[in-house]
Protein backbone atom coordinates (compact mmCIF):
# COMPACT_ATOMS: atom_id res chain seq x y z
CA UNK A 1 335.22 163.71 109.96
CA UNK A 2 336.85 161.32 112.38
CA UNK A 3 334.40 158.47 111.83
CA UNK A 4 333.33 156.74 108.63
CA UNK A 5 329.93 157.69 107.21
CA UNK A 6 326.89 155.75 108.34
CA UNK A 7 325.77 153.47 105.49
CA UNK A 8 322.01 153.56 104.96
CA UNK A 9 319.83 152.21 102.16
CA UNK A 10 319.13 154.80 99.46
CA UNK A 11 315.36 154.60 100.06
CA UNK A 12 315.77 155.47 103.75
CA UNK A 13 318.04 158.44 102.99
CA UNK A 14 315.66 159.60 100.25
CA UNK A 15 312.75 159.40 102.72
CA UNK A 16 314.73 161.40 105.30
CA UNK A 17 315.59 164.03 102.67
CA UNK A 18 311.91 164.27 101.69
CA UNK A 19 310.90 164.82 105.33
CA UNK A 20 313.64 167.44 105.72
CA UNK A 21 312.29 169.26 102.64
CA UNK A 22 308.83 169.24 104.26
CA UNK A 23 310.30 170.70 107.46
CA UNK A 24 312.07 173.40 105.44
CA UNK A 25 308.75 174.32 103.82
CA UNK A 26 307.07 174.45 107.25
CA UNK A 27 309.94 176.56 108.57
CA UNK A 28 309.47 178.99 105.69
CA UNK A 29 305.76 179.29 106.55
CA UNK A 30 306.50 179.85 110.25
CA UNK A 31 309.10 182.48 109.37
CA UNK A 32 306.53 184.24 107.20
CA UNK A 33 303.90 184.19 109.95
CA UNK A 34 306.30 185.44 112.63
CA UNK A 35 307.66 188.13 110.32
CA UNK A 36 304.24 189.39 109.28
CA UNK A 37 304.32 192.22 111.83
CA UNK A 38 307.82 193.47 110.99
CA UNK A 39 306.35 196.66 109.53
CA UNK A 40 305.00 197.69 112.94
CA UNK A 41 307.43 199.82 114.92
CA UNK A 42 307.05 197.95 118.22
CA UNK A 43 307.54 194.49 116.66
CA UNK A 44 309.93 195.32 113.88
CA UNK A 45 313.02 193.50 112.72
CA UNK A 46 315.04 194.59 115.75
CA UNK A 47 312.45 193.17 118.14
CA UNK A 48 312.29 189.93 116.17
CA UNK A 49 316.07 189.48 116.03
CA UNK A 50 316.37 190.16 119.76
CA UNK A 51 313.53 187.74 120.54
CA UNK A 52 315.18 185.03 118.41
CA UNK A 53 318.57 185.56 120.06
CA UNK A 54 316.97 185.48 123.52
CA UNK A 55 315.06 182.30 122.63
CA UNK A 56 318.24 180.52 121.50
CA UNK A 57 320.56 182.02 124.11
CA UNK A 58 320.67 179.01 126.44
CA UNK A 59 321.39 176.66 123.57
CA UNK A 60 324.23 178.82 122.28
CA UNK A 61 326.41 178.27 125.34
CA UNK A 62 329.26 175.78 125.30
CA UNK A 63 328.12 172.27 126.29
CA UNK A 64 324.36 172.90 126.44
CA UNK A 65 323.61 171.46 123.00
CA UNK A 66 326.01 168.61 123.70
CA UNK A 67 324.25 167.74 126.98
CA UNK A 68 320.80 167.98 125.43
CA UNK A 69 321.90 165.90 122.42
CA UNK A 70 323.31 163.20 124.68
CA UNK A 71 320.09 163.04 126.72
CA UNK A 72 317.92 163.12 123.59
CA UNK A 73 319.83 160.33 121.88
CA UNK A 74 320.50 158.08 124.88
CA UNK A 75 317.70 158.87 127.31
CA UNK A 76 318.08 159.49 131.01
CA UNK A 77 321.58 159.23 132.42
CA UNK A 78 323.39 159.39 135.72
CA UNK A 79 325.92 162.19 136.13
CA UNK A 80 329.07 160.11 135.55
CA UNK A 81 327.53 158.26 132.60
CA UNK A 82 326.71 161.61 131.02
CA UNK A 83 330.21 162.90 131.77
CA UNK A 84 331.77 159.88 130.01
CA UNK A 85 329.61 160.49 126.92
CA UNK A 86 330.77 164.10 126.69
CA UNK A 87 334.48 163.96 125.99
CA UNK A 88 336.35 166.87 127.52
CA UNK A 89 333.71 168.25 129.87
CA UNK A 90 334.73 168.81 133.49
CA UNK A 91 332.54 167.73 136.39
CA UNK A 92 332.14 171.36 137.44
CA UNK A 93 331.04 172.48 133.97
CA UNK A 94 328.62 169.57 133.63
CA UNK A 95 327.14 170.35 137.04
CA UNK A 96 326.78 174.06 136.22
CA UNK A 97 325.22 173.41 132.80
CA UNK A 98 322.79 170.84 134.21
CA UNK A 99 321.69 173.39 136.83
CA UNK A 100 321.14 175.96 134.06
CA UNK A 101 319.15 173.51 131.94
CA UNK A 102 317.09 172.42 134.95
CA UNK A 103 316.31 176.01 135.95
CA UNK A 104 315.04 176.70 132.42
CA UNK A 105 312.91 173.52 132.25
CA UNK A 106 314.98 171.76 129.57
CA UNK A 107 316.21 168.99 131.87
CA UNK A 108 314.75 167.25 134.91
CA UNK A 109 316.75 165.90 137.84
CA UNK A 110 315.20 162.70 139.25
CA UNK A 111 316.27 161.33 142.59
CA UNK A 112 315.48 157.69 143.39
CA UNK A 113 315.46 156.82 147.09
CA UNK A 114 318.18 154.46 148.18
CA UNK A 115 320.15 153.12 149.56
CA UNK A 116 322.03 154.08 147.52
CA UNK A 117 320.32 157.25 146.35
CA UNK A 118 320.43 157.49 142.55
CA UNK A 119 320.24 160.75 140.64
CA UNK A 120 319.34 160.68 136.96
CA UNK A 121 318.97 163.45 134.41
CA UNK A 122 316.48 163.43 131.55
CA UNK A 123 314.91 165.87 129.15
CA UNK A 124 311.60 167.43 130.13
CA UNK A 125 308.79 167.40 127.56
CA UNK A 126 309.99 170.88 126.53
CA UNK A 127 313.58 169.65 126.15
CA UNK A 128 312.42 166.55 124.27
CA UNK A 129 310.45 168.69 121.82
CA UNK A 130 313.53 170.82 121.21
CA UNK A 131 315.43 167.61 120.46
CA UNK A 132 312.73 166.57 118.01
CA UNK A 133 312.86 169.98 116.34
CA UNK A 134 316.65 169.77 116.01
CA UNK A 135 316.54 166.24 114.49
CA UNK A 136 315.79 167.51 110.97
CA UNK A 137 318.61 170.05 111.25
CA UNK A 138 321.06 167.39 112.41
CA UNK A 139 319.88 165.00 109.69
CA UNK A 140 320.26 167.70 107.04
CA UNK A 141 323.79 168.53 108.19
CA UNK A 142 324.78 164.85 108.36
CA UNK A 143 323.59 164.29 104.79
CA UNK A 144 325.16 167.49 103.41
CA UNK A 145 328.47 166.81 105.20
CA UNK A 146 328.53 163.25 103.85
CA UNK A 147 328.25 161.70 107.31
CA UNK A 148 325.58 159.43 105.83
CA UNK A 149 326.29 157.31 102.78
CA UNK A 150 323.57 156.00 100.48
CA UNK A 151 324.02 152.31 99.69
């Protein structure tokens, strides 16, 4: 890791770990519910795997998770501010990925009348909920990869 771990009081980290455990339990329940029809030919394992892959397809592309993470963590941003947050992304790629995320209702493009006209990008409610659902995953990975240090 290129940065030192974030020092947090033990109680806070313990509370986060407890919440993550609760989310894992909920995830297990959801998995059980969604898998309950796997014995039916039409909605078997193949259907379920394909549906999961299709559901996550947009997020699996290069830069989409990075863009959504930046908007989730920092809130709405102008194009160049977002570009500066995302080290290594080209203007063309950022523009293309924002268009993809907008067309799939993850991100909203807001234009404020000028002069000068200002364009800002922010997560939709759908995109924000995805960010909230990913927070436990990110927290879990940060703790397991020792990016957070109990003090």
